[in-house]
């Protein structure tokens, strides 16, 4: 239960061609309009918050085989997370996130924006989060269907 709102979870069965409600006790919420879930290691994973705001502080997982929910802790350096995307990178659960570094007080300097990819090398093991890449760029356009990162880089 989140505040005064109880979460209700329904599962659709292809075998019975019907929906059924399951007991979930889901402690987190999700914003599907801005964060799409990804499937990894037999679970559906999404960014979630234990608070009713825009700060994401966990990954929720729904394990399809046994219909159980679990929470996965974000990398300590990136929790809470104000902007991020979950993806599957080389068959591992990964987090793509950004952070800004303000200029050093020089007028001609712009704010620097960095993007990181963190990979969970062993699923649902918090200590296995590893920073794989860090890229300084002004604009990320998105990802291809096979997970390739598309950046916009403009030089003078």
N, C-alpha and C. Protein backbone atom coordinates (compact mmCIF):
# COMPACT_ATOMS: atom_id res chain seq x y z
N UNK A 1 0.85 -1.17 0.00
CA UNK A 1 0.00 0.00 0.00
C UNK A 1 0.89 1.24 0.00
N UNK A 2 0.60 2.17 -0.87
CA UNK A 2 1.37 3.39 -1.00
C UNK A 2 0.48 4.54 -0.57
N UNK A 3 0.78 5.12 0.58
CA UNK A 3 -0.11 6.14 1.11
C UNK A 3 -1.47 5.52 1.37
N UNK A 4 -2.51 6.06 0.71
CA UNK A 4 -3.85 5.50 0.85
C UNK A 4 -4.28 4.74 -0.40
N UNK A 5 -3.34 4.52 -1.32
CA UNK A 5 -3.67 3.83 -2.56
C UNK A 5 -3.12 2.41 -2.50
N UNK A 6 -3.99 1.44 -2.65
CA UNK A 6 -3.56 0.05 -2.68
C UNK A 6 -3.31 -0.36 -4.13
N UNK A 7 -2.24 -1.09 -4.36
CA UNK A 7 -1.93 -1.57 -5.70
C UNK A 7 -2.67 -2.88 -5.96
N UNK A 8 -3.30 -2.95 -7.11
CA UNK A 8 -3.95 -4.19 -7.50
C UNK A 8 -3.23 -4.71 -8.74
N UNK A 9 -2.88 -5.98 -8.72
CA UNK A 9 -2.12 -6.57 -9.81
C UNK A 9 -2.95 -7.67 -10.46
N UNK A 10 -3.04 -7.59 -11.78
CA UNK A 10 -3.74 -8.63 -12.53
C UNK A 10 -2.75 -9.28 -13.50
N UNK A 11 -2.89 -10.59 -13.67
CA UNK A 11 -2.04 -11.36 -14.57
C UNK A 11 -2.93 -11.99 -15.63
N UNK A 12 -2.48 -11.88 -16.87
CA UNK A 12 -3.24 -12.48 -17.97
C UNK A 12 -2.62 -13.83 -18.32
N UNK A 13 -3.45 -14.85 -18.44
CA UNK A 13 -3.00 -16.19 -18.80
C UNK A 13 -3.36 -16.49 -20.24
N UNK A 14 -2.35 -16.84 -21.03
CA UNK A 14 -2.60 -17.24 -22.42
C UNK A 14 -3.33 -18.58 -22.47
N UNK A 15 -3.07 -19.43 -21.49
CA UNK A 15 -3.68 -20.77 -21.46
C UNK A 15 -5.19 -20.67 -21.24
N UNK A 16 -5.60 -19.86 -20.25
CA UNK A 16 -7.04 -19.75 -19.94
C UNK A 16 -7.71 -18.58 -20.66
N UNK A 17 -6.90 -17.75 -21.34
CA UNK A 17 -7.41 -16.57 -22.05
C UNK A 17 -8.24 -15.69 -21.10
N UNK A 18 -7.68 -15.47 -19.90
CA UNK A 18 -8.41 -14.67 -18.92
C UNK A 18 -7.45 -13.96 -17.96
N UNK A 19 -7.98 -12.96 -17.27
CA UNK A 19 -7.25 -12.20 -16.27
C UNK A 19 -7.58 -12.74 -14.89
N UNK A 20 -6.60 -12.66 -13.99
CA UNK A 20 -6.86 -12.99 -12.59
C UNK A 20 -6.05 -12.05 -11.71
N UNK A 21 -6.58 -11.74 -10.55
CA UNK A 21 -5.91 -10.86 -9.59
C UNK A 21 -5.01 -11.70 -8.71
N UNK A 22 -3.79 -11.18 -8.45
CA UNK A 22 -2.87 -11.87 -7.54
C UNK A 22 -2.56 -10.97 -6.35
N UNK A 23 -2.19 -11.58 -5.24
CA UNK A 23 -1.75 -10.84 -4.06
C UNK A 23 -0.32 -10.39 -4.31
N UNK A 24 -0.08 -9.09 -4.22
CA UNK A 24 1.23 -8.60 -4.61
C UNK A 24 2.01 -7.94 -3.48
N UNK A 25 1.38 -7.05 -2.74
CA UNK A 25 2.12 -6.30 -1.73
C UNK A 25 3.23 -5.48 -2.35
N UNK A 26 2.95 -4.84 -3.48
CA UNK A 26 3.97 -4.08 -4.20
C UNK A 26 4.28 -2.79 -3.44
N UNK A 27 5.56 -2.60 -3.01
CA UNK A 27 5.91 -1.43 -2.21
C UNK A 27 6.25 -0.19 -3.04
N UNK A 28 6.33 -0.31 -4.36
CA UNK A 28 6.79 0.80 -5.19
C UNK A 28 5.79 1.10 -6.30
N UNK A 29 5.91 2.30 -6.84
CA UNK A 29 5.07 2.68 -7.97
C UNK A 29 5.93 2.83 -9.21
N UNK A 30 5.29 2.91 -10.36
CA UNK A 30 6.01 3.08 -11.62
C UNK A 30 5.30 4.10 -12.48
N UNK A 31 6.04 4.69 -13.38
CA UNK A 31 5.49 5.66 -14.33
C UNK A 31 5.74 5.12 -15.73
N UNK A 32 4.79 4.36 -16.24
CA UNK A 32 4.98 3.72 -17.54
C UNK A 32 4.97 4.71 -18.69
N UNK A 33 4.44 5.90 -18.48
CA UNK A 33 4.42 6.89 -19.55
C UNK A 33 5.83 7.36 -19.89
N UNK A 34 6.74 7.34 -18.92
CA UNK A 34 8.09 7.83 -19.13
C UNK A 34 9.17 6.75 -19.04
N UNK A 35 8.85 5.64 -18.46
CA UNK A 35 9.85 4.58 -18.27
C UNK A 35 9.27 3.25 -18.71
N UNK A 36 9.81 2.70 -19.79
CA UNK A 36 9.29 1.43 -20.26
C UNK A 36 9.99 0.28 -19.54
N UNK A 37 9.26 -0.79 -19.27
CA UNK A 37 9.88 -1.95 -18.62
C UNK A 37 10.73 -2.74 -19.60
N UNK A 38 11.69 -3.49 -19.07
CA UNK A 38 12.52 -4.39 -19.88
C UNK A 38 12.47 -5.78 -19.27
N UNK A 39 12.65 -6.78 -20.12
CA UNK A 39 12.65 -8.17 -19.66
C UNK A 39 14.09 -8.66 -19.58
N UNK A 40 14.46 -9.20 -18.43
CA UNK A 40 15.81 -9.73 -18.23
C UNK A 40 15.75 -10.81 -17.16
N UNK A 41 16.42 -11.91 -17.40
CA UNK A 41 16.54 -13.00 -16.44
C UNK A 41 15.17 -13.52 -15.98
N UNK A 42 14.22 -13.59 -16.91
CA UNK A 42 12.91 -14.13 -16.60
C UNK A 42 12.01 -13.21 -15.80
N UNK A 43 12.38 -11.93 -15.72
CA UNK A 43 11.58 -10.97 -14.95
C UNK A 43 11.32 -9.72 -15.79
N UNK A 44 10.20 -9.08 -15.50
CA UNK A 44 9.89 -7.78 -16.09
C UNK A 44 10.37 -6.74 -15.08
N UNK A 45 11.25 -5.83 -15.52
CA UNK A 45 11.90 -4.87 -14.63
C UNK A 45 11.53 -3.44 -15.03
N UNK A 46 11.33 -2.57 -14.02
CA UNK A 46 11.04 -1.16 -14.30
C UNK A 46 11.55 -0.29 -13.17
N UNK A 47 11.85 0.98 -13.51
CA UNK A 47 12.24 1.95 -12.50
C UNK A 47 11.03 2.27 -11.64
N UNK A 48 11.26 2.39 -10.35
CA UNK A 48 10.15 2.60 -9.43
C UNK A 48 10.57 3.53 -8.30
N UNK A 49 9.57 4.02 -7.60
CA UNK A 49 9.79 4.92 -6.48
C UNK A 49 8.98 4.46 -5.29
N UNK A 50 9.58 4.58 -4.13
CA UNK A 50 8.83 4.27 -2.91
C UNK A 50 8.11 5.51 -2.40
N UNK A 51 8.32 6.62 -3.10
CA UNK A 51 7.66 7.86 -2.74
C UNK A 51 6.86 8.34 -3.94
N UNK A 52 5.86 9.14 -3.69
CA UNK A 52 5.01 9.65 -4.77
C UNK A 52 5.62 10.92 -5.35
N UNK A 53 6.77 10.78 -6.01
CA UNK A 53 7.40 11.94 -6.64
C UNK A 53 8.21 11.47 -7.84
N UNK A 54 9.07 12.32 -8.34
CA UNK A 54 9.83 12.01 -9.55
C UNK A 54 11.21 11.43 -9.27
N UNK A 55 11.49 11.02 -8.06
CA UNK A 55 12.79 10.46 -7.72
C UNK A 55 12.68 8.94 -7.72
N UNK A 56 13.47 8.31 -8.57
CA UNK A 56 13.43 6.86 -8.71
C UNK A 56 14.51 6.26 -7.82
N UNK A 57 14.13 5.39 -6.92
CA UNK A 57 15.11 4.87 -5.97
C UNK A 57 15.18 3.35 -5.94
N UNK A 58 14.59 2.70 -6.92
CA UNK A 58 14.65 1.24 -6.96
C UNK A 58 14.27 0.74 -8.35
N UNK A 59 14.53 -0.51 -8.57
CA UNK A 59 14.03 -1.21 -9.75
C UNK A 59 13.09 -2.28 -9.22
N UNK A 60 11.88 -2.30 -9.72
CA UNK A 60 10.95 -3.36 -9.35
C UNK A 60 11.04 -4.46 -10.39
N UNK A 61 10.93 -5.69 -9.94
CA UNK A 61 10.97 -6.84 -10.84
C UNK A 61 9.76 -7.73 -10.57
N UNK A 62 9.14 -8.19 -11.63
CA UNK A 62 8.07 -9.18 -11.53
C UNK A 62 8.59 -10.45 -12.19
N UNK A 63 8.80 -11.48 -11.37
CA UNK A 63 9.33 -12.75 -11.84
C UNK A 63 8.16 -13.57 -12.40
N UNK A 64 8.18 -13.76 -13.70
CA UNK A 64 7.04 -14.35 -14.40
C UNK A 64 6.79 -15.79 -13.97
N UNK A 65 7.83 -16.57 -13.74
CA UNK A 65 7.66 -18.00 -13.45
C UNK A 65 6.91 -18.27 -12.15
N UNK A 66 7.18 -17.47 -11.11
CA UNK A 66 6.51 -17.71 -9.82
C UNK A 66 5.60 -16.55 -9.39
N UNK A 67 5.44 -15.54 -10.27
CA UNK A 67 4.55 -14.40 -10.03
C UNK A 67 4.85 -13.68 -8.72
N UNK A 68 6.13 -13.43 -8.49
CA UNK A 68 6.59 -12.76 -7.28
C UNK A 68 7.27 -11.44 -7.67
N UNK A 69 7.03 -10.40 -6.86
CA UNK A 69 7.69 -9.11 -7.05
C UNK A 69 8.91 -9.02 -6.14
N UNK A 70 9.93 -8.30 -6.60
CA UNK A 70 11.07 -8.00 -5.74
C UNK A 70 11.60 -6.62 -6.11
N UNK A 71 12.33 -6.01 -5.19
CA UNK A 71 12.95 -4.71 -5.43
C UNK A 71 14.45 -4.91 -5.59
N UNK A 72 15.02 -4.25 -6.58
CA UNK A 72 16.46 -4.30 -6.83
C UNK A 72 17.02 -2.92 -6.52
N UNK A 73 18.08 -2.87 -5.75
CA UNK A 73 18.69 -1.61 -5.34
C UNK A 73 19.50 -1.02 -6.49
N UNK A 74 19.37 0.29 -6.70
CA UNK A 74 20.17 0.99 -7.71
C UNK A 74 21.62 1.09 -7.26
N UNK A 75 22.55 1.36 -8.18
CA UNK A 75 23.94 1.60 -7.77
C UNK A 75 23.98 2.75 -6.76
N UNK A 76 24.76 2.62 -5.72
CA UNK A 76 24.80 3.62 -4.65
C UNK A 76 25.13 5.02 -5.17
N UNK A 77 26.01 5.12 -6.15
CA UNK A 77 26.39 6.42 -6.71
C UNK A 77 25.23 7.11 -7.42
N UNK A 78 24.24 6.37 -7.84
CA UNK A 78 23.15 6.92 -8.64
C UNK A 78 21.79 6.81 -7.97
N UNK A 79 21.76 6.66 -6.67
CA UNK A 79 20.48 6.57 -5.97
C UNK A 79 20.38 7.72 -4.98
N UNK A 80 19.28 8.47 -4.95
CA UNK A 80 18.13 8.36 -5.84
C UNK A 80 18.47 8.88 -7.23
N UNK A 81 17.70 8.44 -8.19
CA UNK A 81 17.94 8.73 -9.60
C UNK A 81 16.87 9.68 -10.10
N UNK A 82 17.27 10.81 -10.68
CA UNK A 82 16.28 11.75 -11.21
C UNK A 82 16.01 11.52 -12.69
N UNK A 83 16.92 10.87 -13.39
CA UNK A 83 16.73 10.61 -14.81
C UNK A 83 17.46 9.34 -15.20
N UNK A 84 16.75 8.38 -15.72
CA UNK A 84 17.39 7.13 -16.11
C UNK A 84 16.50 6.28 -16.97
N UNK A 85 17.11 5.30 -17.63
CA UNK A 85 16.41 4.36 -18.49
C UNK A 85 16.98 2.98 -18.23
N UNK A 86 16.10 2.00 -18.08
CA UNK A 86 16.55 0.61 -17.98
C UNK A 86 16.68 0.03 -19.37
N UNK A 87 17.67 -0.83 -19.56
CA UNK A 87 17.83 -1.52 -20.82
C UNK A 87 18.54 -2.84 -20.56
N UNK A 88 18.60 -3.66 -21.58
CA UNK A 88 19.37 -4.90 -21.50
C UNK A 88 20.60 -4.68 -22.35
N UNK A 89 21.78 -4.82 -21.74
CA UNK A 89 23.06 -4.60 -22.41
C UNK A 89 23.85 -5.89 -22.32
N UNK A 90 24.12 -6.49 -23.48
CA UNK A 90 24.84 -7.77 -23.53
C UNK A 90 24.17 -8.81 -22.63
N UNK A 91 22.83 -8.87 -22.69
CA UNK A 91 21.99 -9.82 -21.96
C UNK A 91 21.97 -9.60 -20.44
N UNK A 92 22.46 -8.45 -19.98
CA UNK A 92 22.46 -8.12 -18.56
C UNK A 92 21.59 -6.89 -18.32
N UNK A 93 20.98 -6.83 -17.13
CA UNK A 93 20.20 -5.66 -16.76
C UNK A 93 21.13 -4.46 -16.65
N UNK A 94 20.75 -3.35 -17.28
CA UNK A 94 21.61 -2.18 -17.29
C UNK A 94 20.79 -0.92 -17.02
N UNK A 95 21.47 0.09 -16.51
CA UNK A 95 20.87 1.38 -16.20
C UNK A 95 21.63 2.45 -16.97
N UNK A 96 20.91 3.22 -17.75
CA UNK A 96 21.49 4.34 -18.49
C UNK A 96 21.02 5.60 -17.79
N UNK A 97 21.95 6.40 -17.29
CA UNK A 97 21.55 7.59 -16.52
C UNK A 97 22.44 8.78 -16.86
N UNK A 98 21.96 9.96 -16.51
CA UNK A 98 22.71 11.17 -16.80
C UNK A 98 22.90 11.99 -15.54
N UNK A 99 23.91 12.83 -15.58
CA UNK A 99 24.13 13.79 -14.50
C UNK A 99 24.86 14.98 -15.08
N UNK A 100 24.70 16.13 -14.44
CA UNK A 100 25.27 17.38 -14.94
C UNK A 100 26.36 17.88 -14.02
N UNK A 101 27.37 18.47 -14.63
CA UNK A 101 28.45 19.10 -13.89
C UNK A 101 28.42 20.59 -14.24
N UNK A 102 28.17 21.45 -13.25
CA UNK A 102 28.07 22.88 -13.56
C UNK A 102 29.42 23.44 -14.01
N UNK A 103 29.40 24.53 -14.79
CA UNK A 103 30.65 25.15 -15.25
C UNK A 103 31.46 25.67 -14.08
N UNK A 104 32.75 25.89 -14.32
CA UNK A 104 33.67 26.35 -13.28
C UNK A 104 33.61 27.85 -13.05
N UNK A 105 32.50 28.49 -13.36
CA UNK A 105 32.38 29.92 -13.13
C UNK A 105 32.81 30.76 -14.31
N UNK A 106 33.26 30.12 -15.38
CA UNK A 106 33.65 30.87 -16.56
C UNK A 106 32.42 31.06 -17.44
N UNK A 107 32.21 32.30 -17.90
CA UNK A 107 31.01 32.61 -18.66
C UNK A 107 30.88 31.80 -19.94
N UNK A 108 31.99 31.56 -20.63
CA UNK A 108 31.92 30.88 -21.92
C UNK A 108 31.73 29.36 -21.77
N UNK A 109 31.87 28.85 -20.57
CA UNK A 109 31.70 27.41 -20.37
C UNK A 109 30.23 27.05 -20.23
N UNK A 110 29.86 25.97 -20.87
CA UNK A 110 28.50 25.45 -20.72
C UNK A 110 28.51 24.35 -19.68
N UNK A 111 27.31 24.06 -19.17
CA UNK A 111 27.18 22.94 -18.25
C UNK A 111 27.54 21.66 -18.98
N UNK A 112 28.32 20.80 -18.34
CA UNK A 112 28.70 19.54 -18.95
C UNK A 112 27.71 18.46 -18.55
N UNK A 113 27.31 17.67 -19.51
CA UNK A 113 26.36 16.59 -19.26
C UNK A 113 27.05 15.26 -19.52
N UNK A 114 26.95 14.37 -18.56
CA UNK A 114 27.58 13.06 -18.66
C UNK A 114 26.51 11.98 -18.64
N UNK A 115 26.75 10.94 -19.40
CA UNK A 115 25.86 9.78 -19.43
C UNK A 115 26.66 8.55 -19.04
N UNK A 116 26.04 7.71 -18.23
CA UNK A 116 26.71 6.50 -17.76
C UNK A 116 25.86 5.28 -18.07
N UNK A 117 26.53 4.17 -18.29
CA UNK A 117 25.84 2.89 -18.38
C UNK A 117 26.39 2.01 -17.27
N UNK A 118 25.48 1.60 -16.37
CA UNK A 118 25.80 0.68 -15.28
C UNK A 118 25.21 -0.68 -15.64
N UNK A 119 25.96 -1.74 -15.40
CA UNK A 119 25.49 -3.09 -15.71
C UNK A 119 25.49 -3.91 -14.43
N UNK A 120 24.41 -4.66 -14.22
CA UNK A 120 24.33 -5.59 -13.09
C UNK A 120 24.85 -6.94 -13.59
N UNK A 121 26.09 -7.25 -13.24
CA UNK A 121 26.75 -8.44 -13.78
C UNK A 121 26.15 -9.74 -13.28
N UNK A 122 25.56 -9.72 -12.09
CA UNK A 122 24.84 -10.89 -11.56
C UNK A 122 23.46 -10.40 -11.15
N UNK A 123 22.43 -10.92 -11.81
CA UNK A 123 21.08 -10.41 -11.62
C UNK A 123 20.66 -10.44 -10.16
N UNK A 124 20.11 -9.31 -9.71
CA UNK A 124 19.59 -9.12 -8.35
C UNK A 124 20.66 -9.19 -7.26
N UNK A 125 21.91 -8.93 -7.63
CA UNK A 125 23.00 -8.85 -6.66
C UNK A 125 23.52 -7.41 -6.69
N UNK A 126 23.17 -6.64 -5.67
CA UNK A 126 23.47 -5.21 -5.64
C UNK A 126 24.95 -4.92 -5.83
N UNK A 127 25.81 -5.70 -5.21
CA UNK A 127 27.25 -5.45 -5.29
C UNK A 127 27.82 -5.68 -6.69
N UNK A 128 27.02 -6.25 -7.58
CA UNK A 128 27.54 -6.54 -8.92
C UNK A 128 27.33 -5.40 -9.91
N UNK A 129 26.72 -4.26 -9.46
CA UNK A 129 26.60 -3.11 -10.35
C UNK A 129 28.00 -2.62 -10.72
N UNK A 130 28.26 -2.45 -12.01
CA UNK A 130 29.56 -2.00 -12.49
C UNK A 130 29.35 -0.90 -13.53
N UNK A 131 30.07 0.20 -13.35
CA UNK A 131 29.98 1.28 -14.34
C UNK A 131 30.79 0.84 -15.56
N UNK A 132 30.11 0.73 -16.71
CA UNK A 132 30.77 0.27 -17.93
C UNK A 132 31.32 1.42 -18.77
N UNK A 133 30.52 2.48 -18.91
CA UNK A 133 30.90 3.59 -19.77
C UNK A 133 30.48 4.90 -19.14
N UNK A 134 31.24 5.94 -19.47
CA UNK A 134 30.84 7.31 -19.16
C UNK A 134 31.14 8.14 -20.40
N UNK A 135 30.15 8.88 -20.86
CA UNK A 135 30.28 9.65 -22.10
C UNK A 135 29.88 11.08 -21.81
N UNK A 136 30.70 12.03 -22.28
CA UNK A 136 30.31 13.43 -22.19
C UNK A 136 29.73 13.83 -23.54
N UNK A 137 28.50 14.24 -23.55
CA UNK A 137 27.83 14.67 -24.78
C UNK A 137 26.67 15.58 -24.42
N UNK A 138 26.22 16.34 -25.37
CA UNK A 138 25.10 17.24 -25.10
C UNK A 138 23.75 16.58 -25.32
N UNK A 139 23.69 15.59 -26.20
CA UNK A 139 22.39 15.05 -26.57
C UNK A 139 22.47 13.55 -26.87
N UNK A 140 21.60 12.81 -26.21
CA UNK A 140 21.40 11.40 -26.52
C UNK A 140 20.08 11.32 -27.27
N UNK A 141 20.12 10.72 -28.45
CA UNK A 141 18.90 10.62 -29.26
C UNK A 141 18.07 9.40 -28.89
N UNK A 142 18.73 8.34 -28.43
CA UNK A 142 17.99 7.14 -28.05
C UNK A 142 18.80 5.88 -28.29
N UNK A 143 18.08 4.78 -28.41
CA UNK A 143 18.69 3.48 -28.61
C UNK A 143 18.07 2.81 -29.82
N UNK A 144 18.86 2.00 -30.53
CA UNK A 144 18.30 1.19 -31.60
C UNK A 144 17.61 -0.01 -30.98
N UNK A 145 16.87 -0.77 -31.79
CA UNK A 145 16.17 -1.94 -31.26
C UNK A 145 17.12 -2.99 -30.71
N UNK A 146 18.35 -3.03 -31.23
CA UNK A 146 19.31 -4.01 -30.70
C UNK A 146 20.22 -3.41 -29.63
N UNK A 147 19.81 -2.26 -29.05
CA UNK A 147 20.49 -1.71 -27.88
C UNK A 147 21.66 -0.80 -28.15
N UNK A 148 21.89 -0.39 -29.40
CA UNK A 148 22.99 0.53 -29.69
C UNK A 148 22.58 1.95 -29.34
N UNK A 149 23.50 2.68 -28.74
CA UNK A 149 23.27 4.05 -28.29
C UNK A 149 23.47 5.01 -29.46
N UNK A 150 22.53 5.95 -29.65
CA UNK A 150 22.63 6.95 -30.71
C UNK A 150 22.85 8.31 -30.05
N UNK A 151 24.01 8.93 -30.34
CA UNK A 151 24.38 10.22 -29.76
C UNK A 151 24.39 11.29 -30.84
N UNK A 152 24.15 12.52 -30.45
CA UNK A 152 24.30 13.66 -31.34
C UNK A 152 25.54 14.41 -30.87
N UNK A 153 26.53 14.51 -31.74
CA UNK A 153 27.76 15.22 -31.39
C UNK A 153 27.99 16.28 -32.45
N UNK A 154 28.04 17.54 -32.04
CA UNK A 154 28.27 18.62 -32.99
C UNK A 154 29.53 19.35 -32.59
N UNK A 155 30.41 19.54 -33.56
CA UNK A 155 31.62 20.32 -33.34
C UNK A 155 31.44 21.66 -34.04
N UNK A 156 32.17 22.68 -33.55
CA UNK A 156 32.07 24.00 -34.17
C UNK A 156 32.40 23.86 -35.62
